[in-house]
Amino acid sequence: NLLSFKMWRQWNQRKIPPTMTTRTSKQQQQDEIWRATATWEYSKRKWETILRNAYFNEKIFFKDPSINLDAAYNAHTFISEWENKIQLGKRHTVNIGSSYNFNRAISDNYTGGKPVLHRGAVFVSYKYSSLSQKISAVASLRKEIINSQTTPFTPAASGEYKMLHWLIWKANIAANFKVPNFNDWYWTPGGN
């Protein structure tokens, strides 16, 4: 068993340089970031469980006296991931897990002032490795839910063949789609 905690803080204050079309700049930005993570790992024989959690609090203060702008932005992010790896013999591994992301931003530039984004996912994958370790293949399936809206299943498959210790052939195929980011969902007026 392994339990670990990490916490760190960043603080930056900087002057923003002028653009190519301006001679001077009085713009300033101050960033204050707190991050904390916790991980629990458990393994026993052919079973491994990993639970990861993280919390981020990010603040940005921007000032531009030339246009009388004082802008503040505060983002809260919570991430939780759970993963199980099960070894089925020497050549087969199954991986099952889920993840959840919570995002909240506080800014005058977002619709509603304090928008929230919930994003969850479940996944499963199967890995085959030959006894010689020259051939391996992985097949996976993932499903996401974003703000109560489901997304399509996203399958993926990959393979690898080690011809020589310095030459490896790889192949991948996957279905994917673009998920709008936080700014796409909430930035006024309509994305970044």
N, C-alpha and C. Protein backbone atom coordinates (compact mmCIF):
# COMPACT_ATOMS: atom_id res chain seq x y z
N ASN A 1 0.83 -1.19 0.00
CA ASN A 1 0.00 0.00 0.00
C ASN A 1 0.87 1.24 0.00
N LEU A 2 0.40 2.27 -0.69
CA LEU A 2 1.13 3.52 -0.74
C LEU A 2 0.12 4.66 -0.71
N LEU A 3 0.33 5.60 0.20
CA LEU A 3 -0.51 6.78 0.32
C LEU A 3 0.40 8.00 0.24
N SER A 4 0.12 8.91 -0.69
CA SER A 4 0.97 10.09 -0.82
C SER A 4 0.13 11.35 -0.96
N PHE A 5 0.65 12.44 -0.39
CA PHE A 5 0.03 13.76 -0.48
C PHE A 5 1.08 14.74 -0.98
N LYS A 6 0.64 15.67 -1.81
CA LYS A 6 1.53 16.73 -2.29
C LYS A 6 0.73 18.03 -2.33
N MET A 7 1.39 19.11 -1.94
CA MET A 7 0.75 20.41 -2.00
C MET A 7 1.80 21.44 -2.38
N TRP A 8 1.43 22.38 -3.25
CA TRP A 8 2.36 23.43 -3.61
C TRP A 8 1.62 24.70 -3.97
N ARG A 9 2.35 25.80 -3.87
CA ARG A 9 1.79 27.13 -4.14
C ARG A 9 2.73 27.85 -5.11
N GLN A 10 2.13 28.58 -6.04
CA GLN A 10 2.88 29.42 -6.97
C GLN A 10 2.33 30.82 -6.88
N TRP A 11 3.22 31.77 -6.93
CA TRP A 11 2.80 33.16 -6.95
C TRP A 11 3.69 33.90 -7.93
N ASN A 12 3.08 34.59 -8.87
CA ASN A 12 3.82 35.34 -9.89
C ASN A 12 3.24 36.73 -10.01
N GLN A 13 4.11 37.68 -10.20
CA GLN A 13 3.67 39.03 -10.51
C GLN A 13 4.55 39.51 -11.65
N ARG A 14 3.92 39.94 -12.73
CA ARG A 14 4.72 40.31 -13.89
C ARG A 14 4.09 41.49 -14.64
N LYS A 15 4.94 42.16 -15.34
CA LYS A 15 4.49 43.22 -16.23
C LYS A 15 4.37 42.63 -17.62
N ILE A 16 3.28 42.96 -18.29
CA ILE A 16 3.03 42.43 -19.63
C ILE A 16 3.72 43.36 -20.64
N PRO A 17 4.58 42.82 -21.50
CA PRO A 17 5.28 43.68 -22.47
C PRO A 17 4.32 44.24 -23.52
N PRO A 18 4.71 45.34 -24.14
CA PRO A 18 3.85 45.92 -25.18
C PRO A 18 3.79 45.01 -26.42
N THR A 19 2.73 45.17 -27.15
CA THR A 19 2.60 44.43 -28.41
C THR A 19 3.44 45.14 -29.47
N MET A 20 3.51 44.56 -30.65
CA MET A 20 4.32 45.15 -31.73
C MET A 20 3.75 46.47 -32.22
N THR A 21 2.45 46.70 -31.96
CA THR A 21 1.82 47.92 -32.46
C THR A 21 1.75 49.02 -31.41
N THR A 22 2.23 48.76 -30.18
CA THR A 22 2.24 49.78 -29.13
C THR A 22 3.66 49.99 -28.63
N ARG A 23 3.92 51.22 -28.14
CA ARG A 23 5.28 51.54 -27.68
C ARG A 23 5.49 51.20 -26.21
N THR A 24 4.45 51.35 -25.41
CA THR A 24 4.58 51.10 -23.97
C THR A 24 3.41 50.26 -23.49
N SER A 25 3.60 49.70 -22.31
CA SER A 25 2.53 48.92 -21.69
C SER A 25 2.60 49.10 -20.19
N LYS A 26 1.45 49.34 -19.59
CA LYS A 26 1.35 49.40 -18.13
C LYS A 26 0.54 48.24 -17.60
N GLN A 27 0.35 47.23 -18.44
CA GLN A 27 -0.42 46.05 -18.05
C GLN A 27 0.37 45.22 -17.04
N GLN A 28 -0.34 44.70 -16.04
CA GLN A 28 0.26 43.84 -15.03
C GLN A 28 -0.65 42.65 -14.78
N GLN A 29 -0.03 41.54 -14.44
CA GLN A 29 -0.80 40.33 -14.11
C GLN A 29 -0.19 39.69 -12.88
N GLN A 30 -1.07 39.27 -11.99
CA GLN A 30 -0.66 38.56 -10.79
C GLN A 30 -1.37 37.22 -10.76
N ASP A 31 -0.62 36.14 -10.58
CA ASP A 31 -1.18 34.79 -10.51
C ASP A 31 -0.93 34.21 -9.13
N GLU A 32 -1.94 33.56 -8.59
CA GLU A 32 -1.80 32.85 -7.32
C GLU A 32 -2.43 31.47 -7.49
N ILE A 33 -1.63 30.43 -7.33
CA ILE A 33 -2.09 29.07 -7.60
C ILE A 33 -1.79 28.16 -6.41
N TRP A 34 -2.82 27.46 -5.98
CA TRP A 34 -2.67 26.41 -4.96
C TRP A 34 -3.05 25.09 -5.60
N ARG A 35 -2.22 24.07 -5.38
CA ARG A 35 -2.52 22.74 -5.92
C ARG A 35 -2.26 21.69 -4.83
N ALA A 36 -3.16 20.71 -4.75
CA ALA A 36 -3.01 19.63 -3.78
C ALA A 36 -3.41 18.32 -4.45
N THR A 37 -2.64 17.27 -4.22
CA THR A 37 -2.96 15.95 -4.77
C THR A 37 -2.83 14.90 -3.68
N ALA A 38 -3.61 13.85 -3.83
CA ALA A 38 -3.54 12.69 -2.94
C ALA A 38 -3.69 11.44 -3.79
N THR A 39 -2.85 10.45 -3.55
CA THR A 39 -2.89 9.19 -4.30
C THR A 39 -2.82 8.02 -3.34
N TRP A 40 -3.67 7.03 -3.58
CA TRP A 40 -3.63 5.79 -2.82
C TRP A 40 -3.46 4.65 -3.81
N GLU A 41 -2.44 3.83 -3.59
CA GLU A 41 -2.18 2.67 -4.45
C GLU A 41 -2.19 1.41 -3.60
N TYR A 42 -2.88 0.41 -4.12
CA TYR A 42 -2.96 -0.88 -3.43
C TYR A 42 -2.69 -1.97 -4.47
N SER A 43 -1.82 -2.90 -4.13
CA SER A 43 -1.59 -4.02 -5.04
C SER A 43 -1.44 -5.30 -4.24
N LYS A 44 -2.00 -6.35 -4.80
CA LYS A 44 -1.93 -7.66 -4.18
C LYS A 44 -1.98 -8.69 -5.29
N ARG A 45 -0.91 -9.45 -5.39
CA ARG A 45 -0.75 -10.47 -6.42
C ARG A 45 -1.05 -9.93 -7.81
N LYS A 46 -2.20 -10.25 -8.36
CA LYS A 46 -2.53 -9.87 -9.75
C LYS A 46 -3.54 -8.74 -9.82
N TRP A 47 -3.68 -7.98 -8.74
CA TRP A 47 -4.67 -6.92 -8.67
C TRP A 47 -3.99 -5.63 -8.23
N GLU A 48 -4.29 -4.52 -8.92
CA GLU A 48 -3.75 -3.22 -8.53
C GLU A 48 -4.86 -2.18 -8.62
N THR A 49 -5.04 -1.43 -7.55
CA THR A 49 -6.03 -0.35 -7.50
C THR A 49 -5.32 0.96 -7.25
N ILE A 50 -5.70 1.98 -8.01
CA ILE A 50 -5.12 3.31 -7.85
C ILE A 50 -6.27 4.32 -7.75
N LEU A 51 -6.22 5.15 -6.72
CA LEU A 51 -7.21 6.21 -6.53
C LEU A 51 -6.44 7.53 -6.45
N ARG A 52 -6.75 8.46 -7.35
CA ARG A 52 -6.06 9.75 -7.40
C ARG A 52 -7.09 10.87 -7.24
N ASN A 53 -6.74 11.87 -6.46
CA ASN A 53 -7.58 13.05 -6.29
C ASN A 53 -6.70 14.29 -6.35
N ALA A 54 -7.26 15.37 -6.89
CA ALA A 54 -6.51 16.62 -6.97
C ALA A 54 -7.48 17.79 -6.83
N TYR A 55 -6.97 18.87 -6.23
CA TYR A 55 -7.73 20.11 -6.13
C TYR A 55 -6.81 21.26 -6.54
N PHE A 56 -7.29 22.12 -7.44
CA PHE A 56 -6.54 23.29 -7.89
C PHE A 56 -7.38 24.54 -7.66
N ASN A 57 -6.75 25.57 -7.13
CA ASN A 57 -7.38 26.88 -6.98
C ASN A 57 -6.46 27.88 -7.66
N GLU A 58 -6.92 28.46 -8.77
CA GLU A 58 -6.09 29.33 -9.58
C GLU A 58 -6.74 30.71 -9.70
N LYS A 59 -5.98 31.74 -9.29
CA LYS A 59 -6.48 33.11 -9.35
C LYS A 59 -5.58 33.94 -10.27
N ILE A 60 -6.21 34.74 -11.10
CA ILE A 60 -5.47 35.65 -11.98
C ILE A 60 -6.09 37.05 -11.83
N PHE A 61 -5.23 38.03 -11.58
CA PHE A 61 -5.65 39.42 -11.49
C PHE A 61 -4.91 40.19 -12.58
N PHE A 62 -5.68 40.84 -13.45
CA PHE A 62 -5.08 41.56 -14.58
C PHE A 62 -5.48 43.02 -14.51
N LYS A 63 -4.48 43.91 -14.71
CA LYS A 63 -4.74 45.35 -14.69
C LYS A 63 -4.16 46.00 -15.93
N ASP A 64 -4.96 46.89 -16.50
CA ASP A 64 -4.48 47.73 -17.61
C ASP A 64 -5.01 49.14 -17.36
N PRO A 65 -4.18 49.99 -16.72
CA PRO A 65 -4.65 51.35 -16.40
C PRO A 65 -4.97 52.20 -17.63
N SER A 66 -4.37 51.88 -18.79
CA SER A 66 -4.61 52.69 -19.99
C SER A 66 -6.05 52.60 -20.47
N ILE A 67 -6.73 51.51 -20.16
CA ILE A 67 -8.15 51.39 -20.56
C ILE A 67 -9.05 51.19 -19.34
N ASN A 68 -8.49 51.47 -18.15
CA ASN A 68 -9.23 51.38 -16.88
C ASN A 68 -9.82 49.98 -16.68
N LEU A 69 -8.99 48.96 -16.89
CA LEU A 69 -9.44 47.57 -16.77
C LEU A 69 -8.83 46.93 -15.53
N ASP A 70 -9.68 46.37 -14.72
CA ASP A 70 -9.30 45.58 -13.55
C ASP A 70 -10.09 44.28 -13.64
N ALA A 71 -9.45 43.18 -14.00
CA ALA A 71 -10.17 41.92 -14.19
C ALA A 71 -9.64 40.85 -13.23
N ALA A 72 -10.57 40.10 -12.67
CA ALA A 72 -10.21 39.02 -11.75
C ALA A 72 -10.83 37.72 -12.26
N TYR A 73 -10.07 36.65 -12.12
CA TYR A 73 -10.52 35.32 -12.56
C TYR A 73 -10.13 34.34 -11.47
N ASN A 74 -11.04 33.46 -11.10
CA ASN A 74 -10.76 32.44 -10.10
C ASN A 74 -11.35 31.11 -10.59
N ALA A 75 -10.50 30.09 -10.68
CA ALA A 75 -10.95 28.77 -11.14
C ALA A 75 -10.72 27.74 -10.05
N HIS A 76 -11.72 26.91 -9.83
CA HIS A 76 -11.63 25.78 -8.90
C HIS A 76 -11.78 24.50 -9.72
N THR A 77 -10.86 23.58 -9.55
CA THR A 77 -10.90 22.30 -10.27
C THR A 77 -10.71 21.17 -9.28
N PHE A 78 -11.59 20.18 -9.37
CA PHE A 78 -11.45 18.96 -8.57
C PHE A 78 -11.42 17.79 -9.54
N ILE A 79 -10.42 16.93 -9.42
CA ILE A 79 -10.26 15.77 -10.30
C ILE A 79 -10.18 14.51 -9.44
N SER A 80 -10.94 13.50 -9.81
CA SER A 80 -10.89 12.22 -9.11
C SER A 80 -10.81 11.10 -10.14
N GLU A 81 -9.87 10.18 -9.95
CA GLU A 81 -9.70 9.05 -10.87
C GLU A 81 -9.58 7.76 -10.07
N TRP A 82 -10.20 6.72 -10.57
CA TRP A 82 -10.14 5.39 -9.97
C TRP A 82 -9.78 4.41 -11.08
N GLU A 83 -8.84 3.52 -10.80
CA GLU A 83 -8.38 2.59 -11.82
C GLU A 83 -8.05 1.24 -11.19
N ASN A 84 -8.47 0.16 -11.85
CA ASN A 84 -8.16 -1.21 -11.44
C ASN A 84 -7.47 -1.94 -12.58
N LYS A 85 -6.32 -2.53 -12.29
CA LYS A 85 -5.62 -3.36 -13.27
C LYS A 85 -5.63 -4.78 -12.74
N ILE A 86 -6.11 -5.69 -13.58
CA ILE A 86 -6.23 -7.09 -13.18
C ILE A 86 -5.41 -7.92 -14.16
N GLN A 87 -4.45 -8.65 -13.65
CA GLN A 87 -3.60 -9.52 -14.46
C GLN A 87 -4.27 -10.89 -14.57
N LEU A 88 -4.59 -11.30 -15.79
CA LEU A 88 -5.22 -12.60 -16.03
C LEU A 88 -4.18 -13.51 -16.69
N GLY A 89 -3.37 -14.14 -15.89
CA GLY A 89 -2.28 -14.94 -16.43
C GLY A 89 -1.11 -14.03 -16.80
N LYS A 90 -0.14 -14.59 -17.50
CA LYS A 90 1.07 -13.83 -17.85
C LYS A 90 0.87 -12.91 -19.04
N ARG A 91 -0.14 -13.18 -19.87
CA ARG A 91 -0.26 -12.46 -21.14
C ARG A 91 -1.45 -11.53 -21.24
N HIS A 92 -2.35 -11.53 -20.27
CA HIS A 92 -3.60 -10.79 -20.40
C HIS A 92 -3.78 -9.83 -19.21
N THR A 93 -4.15 -8.58 -19.53
CA THR A 93 -4.41 -7.58 -18.50
C THR A 93 -5.69 -6.84 -18.84
N VAL A 94 -6.55 -6.66 -17.83
CA VAL A 94 -7.77 -5.88 -17.98
C VAL A 94 -7.65 -4.65 -17.10
N ASN A 95 -8.01 -3.51 -17.65
CA ASN A 95 -7.96 -2.24 -16.93
C ASN A 95 -9.35 -1.63 -16.95
N ILE A 96 -9.89 -1.33 -15.76
CA ILE A 96 -11.23 -0.76 -15.63
C ILE A 96 -11.10 0.49 -14.76
N GLY A 97 -11.80 1.56 -15.14
CA GLY A 97 -11.69 2.75 -14.31
C GLY A 97 -12.73 3.80 -14.63
N SER A 98 -12.64 4.87 -13.87
CA SER A 98 -13.54 6.01 -14.07
C SER A 98 -12.81 7.29 -13.68
N SER A 99 -13.33 8.40 -14.16
CA SER A 99 -12.77 9.70 -13.79
C SER A 99 -13.90 10.71 -13.70
N TYR A 100 -13.66 11.73 -12.87
CA TYR A 100 -14.64 12.81 -12.70
C TYR A 100 -13.88 14.12 -12.57
N ASN A 101 -14.29 15.12 -13.33
CA ASN A 101 -13.70 16.46 -13.25
C ASN A 101 -14.81 17.46 -12.96
N PHE A 102 -14.55 18.32 -11.98
CA PHE A 102 -15.46 19.41 -11.64
C PHE A 102 -14.70 20.71 -11.85
N ASN A 103 -15.27 21.61 -12.64
CA ASN A 103 -14.64 22.91 -12.90
C ASN A 103 -15.64 24.01 -12.60
N ARG A 104 -15.18 25.01 -11.86
CA ARG A 104 -15.99 26.21 -11.62
C ARG A 104 -15.09 27.42 -11.81
N ALA A 105 -15.59 28.41 -12.54
CA ALA A 105 -14.84 29.64 -12.74
C ALA A 105 -15.67 30.81 -12.27
N ILE A 106 -15.00 31.78 -11.68
CA ILE A 106 -15.66 32.99 -11.23
C ILE A 106 -15.02 34.15 -11.97
N SER A 107 -15.80 34.74 -12.88
CA SER A 107 -15.30 35.84 -13.70
C SER A 107 -16.48 36.57 -14.34
N ASP A 108 -16.32 37.86 -14.53
CA ASP A 108 -17.36 38.64 -15.21
C ASP A 108 -17.46 38.28 -16.68
N ASN A 109 -16.44 37.63 -17.23
CA ASN A 109 -16.42 37.31 -18.66
C ASN A 109 -17.13 36.00 -19.00
N TYR A 110 -17.65 35.30 -18.00
CA TYR A 110 -18.37 34.06 -18.25
C TYR A 110 -19.86 34.26 -18.08
N THR A 111 -20.64 33.55 -18.89
CA THR A 111 -22.09 33.59 -18.79
C THR A 111 -22.51 33.15 -17.39
N GLY A 112 -23.29 33.96 -16.72
CA GLY A 112 -23.77 33.61 -15.39
C GLY A 112 -22.77 33.93 -14.28
N GLY A 113 -21.56 34.32 -14.62
CA GLY A 113 -20.58 34.72 -13.62
C GLY A 113 -19.86 33.59 -12.89
N LYS A 114 -20.55 32.47 -12.65
CA LYS A 114 -19.94 31.34 -11.93
C LYS A 114 -20.32 30.00 -12.60
N PRO A 115 -19.91 29.79 -13.83
CA PRO A 115 -20.32 28.56 -14.52
C PRO A 115 -19.63 27.31 -13.94
N VAL A 116 -20.29 26.18 -14.11
CA VAL A 116 -19.79 24.90 -13.61
C VAL A 116 -19.79 23.90 -14.76
N LEU A 117 -18.74 23.10 -14.83
CA LEU A 117 -18.65 22.03 -15.83
C LEU A 117 -18.38 20.71 -15.10
N HIS A 118 -19.27 19.75 -15.29
CA HIS A 118 -19.11 18.39 -14.74
C HIS A 118 -18.73 17.47 -15.89
N ARG A 119 -17.70 16.68 -15.70
CA ARG A 119 -17.27 15.77 -16.76
C ARG A 119 -16.86 14.44 -16.13
N GLY A 120 -17.56 13.38 -16.49
CA GLY A 120 -17.27 12.05 -15.97
C GLY A 120 -17.04 11.06 -17.10
N ALA A 121 -16.29 10.00 -16.80
CA ALA A 121 -16.01 8.99 -17.82
C ALA A 121 -15.81 7.63 -17.17
N VAL A 122 -16.14 6.59 -17.92
CA VAL A 122 -15.82 5.21 -17.54
C VAL A 122 -15.07 4.60 -18.73
N PHE A 123 -14.16 3.68 -18.42
CA PHE A 123 -13.40 3.05 -19.49
C PHE A 123 -13.02 1.63 -19.11
N VAL A 124 -12.74 0.85 -20.15
CA VAL A 124 -12.26 -0.51 -19.97
C VAL A 124 -11.27 -0.79 -21.10
N SER A 125 -10.22 -1.52 -20.78
CA SER A 125 -9.27 -1.90 -21.83
C SER A 125 -8.75 -3.32 -21.57
N TYR A 126 -8.33 -3.94 -22.63
CA TYR A 126 -7.76 -5.29 -22.57
C TYR A 126 -6.41 -5.27 -23.28
N LYS A 127 -5.39 -5.84 -22.64
CA LYS A 127 -4.06 -5.88 -23.24
C LYS A 127 -3.58 -7.32 -23.33
N TYR A 128 -3.05 -7.66 -24.51
CA TYR A 128 -2.44 -8.97 -24.74
C TYR A 128 -0.96 -8.77 -25.01
N SER A 129 -0.12 -9.58 -24.36
CA SER A 129 1.32 -9.56 -24.62
C SER A 129 1.76 -11.00 -24.88
N SER A 130 2.54 -11.20 -25.94
CA SER A 130 3.03 -12.55 -26.23
C SER A 130 4.08 -12.95 -25.19
N LEU A 131 4.29 -14.25 -25.06
CA LEU A 131 5.28 -14.73 -24.09
C LEU A 131 6.67 -14.20 -24.38
N SER A 132 6.99 -14.01 -25.64
CA SER A 132 8.31 -13.50 -26.02
C SER A 132 8.42 -11.99 -25.83
N GLN A 133 7.28 -11.31 -25.52
CA GLN A 133 7.21 -9.87 -25.37
C GLN A 133 7.48 -9.12 -26.68
N LYS A 134 7.44 -9.82 -27.81
CA LYS A 134 7.65 -9.17 -29.11
C LYS A 134 6.36 -8.57 -29.66
N ILE A 135 5.22 -9.15 -29.27
CA ILE A 135 3.93 -8.70 -29.79
C ILE A 135 3.04 -8.28 -28.63
N SER A 136 2.41 -7.11 -28.77
CA SER A 136 1.40 -6.69 -27.79
C SER A 136 0.28 -5.97 -28.52
N ALA A 137 -0.91 -6.05 -27.96
CA ALA A 137 -2.09 -5.40 -28.54
C ALA A 137 -3.00 -4.92 -27.42
N VAL A 138 -3.65 -3.79 -27.65
CA VAL A 138 -4.57 -3.21 -26.67
C VAL A 138 -5.85 -2.81 -27.39
N ALA A 139 -6.99 -3.13 -26.77
CA ALA A 139 -8.30 -2.68 -27.25
C ALA A 139 -8.99 -1.99 -26.09
N SER A 140 -9.63 -0.84 -26.36
CA SER A 140 -10.27 -0.10 -25.26
C SER A 140 -11.58 0.52 -25.72
N LEU A 141 -12.39 0.87 -24.72
CA LEU A 141 -13.69 1.51 -24.95
C LEU A 141 -13.90 2.54 -23.85
N ARG A 142 -14.37 3.73 -24.23
CA ARG A 142 -14.56 4.83 -23.28
C ARG A 142 -15.90 5.50 -23.52
N LYS A 143 -16.55 5.93 -22.44
CA LYS A 143 -17.83 6.64 -22.51
C LYS A 143 -17.76 7.83 -21.56
N GLU A 144 -18.16 9.02 -22.04
CA GLU A 144 -18.12 10.22 -21.21
C GLU A 144 -19.51 10.83 -21.06
N ILE A 145 -19.68 11.52 -19.93
CA ILE A 145 -20.89 12.31 -19.68
C ILE A 145 -20.42 13.71 -19.31
N ILE A 146 -20.91 14.72 -20.04
CA ILE A 146 -20.50 16.09 -19.82
C ILE A 146 -21.75 16.92 -19.55
N ASN A 147 -21.85 17.48 -18.34
CA ASN A 147 -23.03 18.25 -17.94
C ASN A 147 -24.32 17.51 -18.27
N SER A 148 -24.41 16.27 -17.89
CA SER A 148 -25.58 15.39 -18.07
C SER A 148 -25.84 14.99 -19.51
N GLN A 149 -24.96 15.33 -20.44
CA GLN A 149 -25.10 14.91 -21.83
C GLN A 149 -24.09 13.80 -22.13
N THR A 150 -24.58 12.69 -22.69
CA THR A 150 -23.68 11.59 -23.00
C THR A 150 -22.97 11.84 -24.33
N THR A 151 -21.80 11.29 -24.44
CA THR A 151 -21.04 11.38 -25.68
C THR A 151 -21.03 9.99 -26.33
N PRO A 152 -20.63 9.90 -27.59
CA PRO A 152 -20.56 8.57 -28.23
C PRO A 152 -19.48 7.70 -27.57
N PHE A 153 -19.66 6.39 -27.66
CA PHE A 153 -18.60 5.48 -27.23
C PHE A 153 -17.38 5.73 -28.11
N THR A 154 -16.21 5.70 -27.53
CA THR A 154 -14.99 5.89 -28.31
C THR A 154 -14.11 4.65 -28.18
N PRO A 155 -14.10 3.81 -29.21
CA PRO A 155 -13.23 2.63 -29.19
C PRO A 155 -11.84 2.99 -29.70
N ALA A 156 -10.87 2.18 -29.30
CA ALA A 156 -9.50 2.36 -29.78
C ALA A 156 -8.81 1.01 -29.78
N ALA A 157 -7.84 0.85 -30.66
CA ALA A 157 -7.04 -0.38 -30.71
C ALA A 157 -5.62 0.00 -31.14
N SER A 158 -4.66 -0.72 -30.60
CA SER A 158 -3.27 -0.49 -30.98
C SER A 158 -2.51 -1.80 -30.92
N GLY A 159 -1.43 -1.86 -31.69
CA GLY A 159 -0.59 -3.05 -31.71
C GLY A 159 0.86 -2.66 -31.84
N GLU A 160 1.72 -3.58 -31.41
CA GLU A 160 3.15 -3.32 -31.46
C GLU A 160 3.89 -4.62 -31.75
N TYR A 161 4.89 -4.53 -32.63
CA TYR A 161 5.72 -5.69 -32.95
C TYR A 161 7.18 -5.28 -32.88
N LYS A 162 7.93 -5.92 -32.00
CA LYS A 162 9.36 -5.63 -31.84
C LYS A 162 10.15 -6.55 -32.75
N MET A 163 10.54 -6.01 -33.92
CA MET A 163 11.31 -6.82 -34.87
C MET A 163 12.72 -7.06 -34.32
N LEU A 164 13.35 -6.01 -33.85
CA LEU A 164 14.68 -6.05 -33.24
C LEU A 164 14.62 -5.17 -32.00
N HIS A 165 15.62 -5.24 -31.15
CA HIS A 165 15.56 -4.43 -29.94
C HIS A 165 15.56 -2.93 -30.24
N TRP A 166 15.99 -2.52 -31.42
CA TRP A 166 16.02 -1.11 -31.80
C TRP A 166 15.00 -0.76 -32.88
N LEU A 167 14.18 -1.73 -33.33
CA LEU A 167 13.19 -1.49 -34.37
C LEU A 167 11.83 -2.04 -33.93
N ILE A 168 10.86 -1.14 -33.80
CA ILE A 168 9.52 -1.51 -33.34
C ILE A 168 8.49 -0.96 -34.33
N TRP A 169 7.59 -1.82 -34.77
CA TRP A 169 6.47 -1.41 -35.63
C TRP A 169 5.26 -1.17 -34.73
N LYS A 170 4.57 -0.03 -34.94
CA LYS A 170 3.39 0.29 -34.15
C LYS A 170 2.24 0.68 -35.06
N ALA A 171 1.03 0.35 -34.63
CA ALA A 171 -0.17 0.74 -35.37
C ALA A 171 -1.25 1.13 -34.36
N ASN A 172 -2.01 2.18 -34.69
CA ASN A 172 -3.10 2.66 -33.82
C ASN A 172 -4.30 3.03 -34.67
N ILE A 173 -5.47 2.80 -34.11
CA ILE A 173 -6.71 3.27 -34.73
C ILE A 173 -7.65 3.63 -33.59
N ALA A 174 -8.35 4.76 -33.75
CA ALA A 174 -9.25 5.21 -32.69
C ALA A 174 -10.34 6.09 -33.26
N ALA A 175 -11.48 6.06 -32.61
CA ALA A 175 -12.55 7.02 -32.90
C ALA A 175 -12.43 8.12 -31.87
N ASN A 176 -12.65 9.36 -32.29
CA ASN A 176 -12.61 10.46 -31.34
C ASN A 176 -13.53 11.58 -31.79
N PHE A 177 -13.71 12.55 -30.95
CA PHE A 177 -14.51 13.72 -31.25
C PHE A 177 -14.01 14.86 -30.38
N LYS A 178 -14.30 16.08 -30.79
CA LYS A 178 -13.85 17.24 -30.03
C LYS A 178 -14.91 17.62 -28.99
N VAL A 179 -14.45 17.70 -27.76
CA VAL A 179 -15.32 18.15 -26.69
C VAL A 179 -15.05 19.64 -26.47
N PRO A 180 -16.08 20.47 -26.43
CA PRO A 180 -15.84 21.89 -26.19
C PRO A 180 -15.13 22.10 -24.86
N ASN A 181 -14.19 23.05 -24.82
CA ASN A 181 -13.52 23.34 -23.56
C ASN A 181 -14.34 24.34 -22.75
N PHE A 182 -13.85 24.68 -21.59
CA PHE A 182 -14.60 25.55 -20.68
C PHE A 182 -14.95 26.88 -21.34
N ASN A 183 -13.99 27.50 -22.04
CA ASN A 183 -14.26 28.77 -22.71
C ASN A 183 -15.30 28.63 -23.82
N ASP A 184 -15.26 27.53 -24.56
CA ASP A 184 -16.25 27.29 -25.62
C ASP A 184 -17.66 27.27 -25.03
N TRP A 185 -17.80 26.68 -23.86
CA TRP A 185 -19.12 26.56 -23.23
C TRP A 185 -19.61 27.89 -22.66
N TYR A 186 -18.73 28.64 -22.02
CA TYR A 186 -19.21 29.73 -21.17
C TYR A 186 -18.69 31.13 -21.46
N TRP A 187 -17.66 31.29 -22.29
CA TRP A 187 -17.10 32.62 -22.50
C TRP A 187 -18.09 33.51 -23.23
N THR A 188 -18.24 34.74 -22.77
CA THR A 188 -19.14 35.70 -23.40
C THR A 188 -18.32 36.58 -24.33
N PRO A 189 -18.64 36.71 -25.58
CA PRO A 189 -19.83 36.26 -26.31
C PRO A 189 -19.55 35.05 -27.20
N GLY A 190 -19.55 33.88 -26.68
CA GLY A 190 -19.50 32.67 -27.49
C GLY A 190 -18.14 32.13 -27.82
N GLY A 191 -17.42 31.72 -26.87
CA GLY A 191 -16.16 31.03 -27.11
C GLY A 191 -14.97 31.97 -27.19
N ASN A 192 -13.82 31.35 -27.18
CA ASN A 192 -12.57 32.12 -27.16
C ASN A 192 -11.91 32.04 -28.52
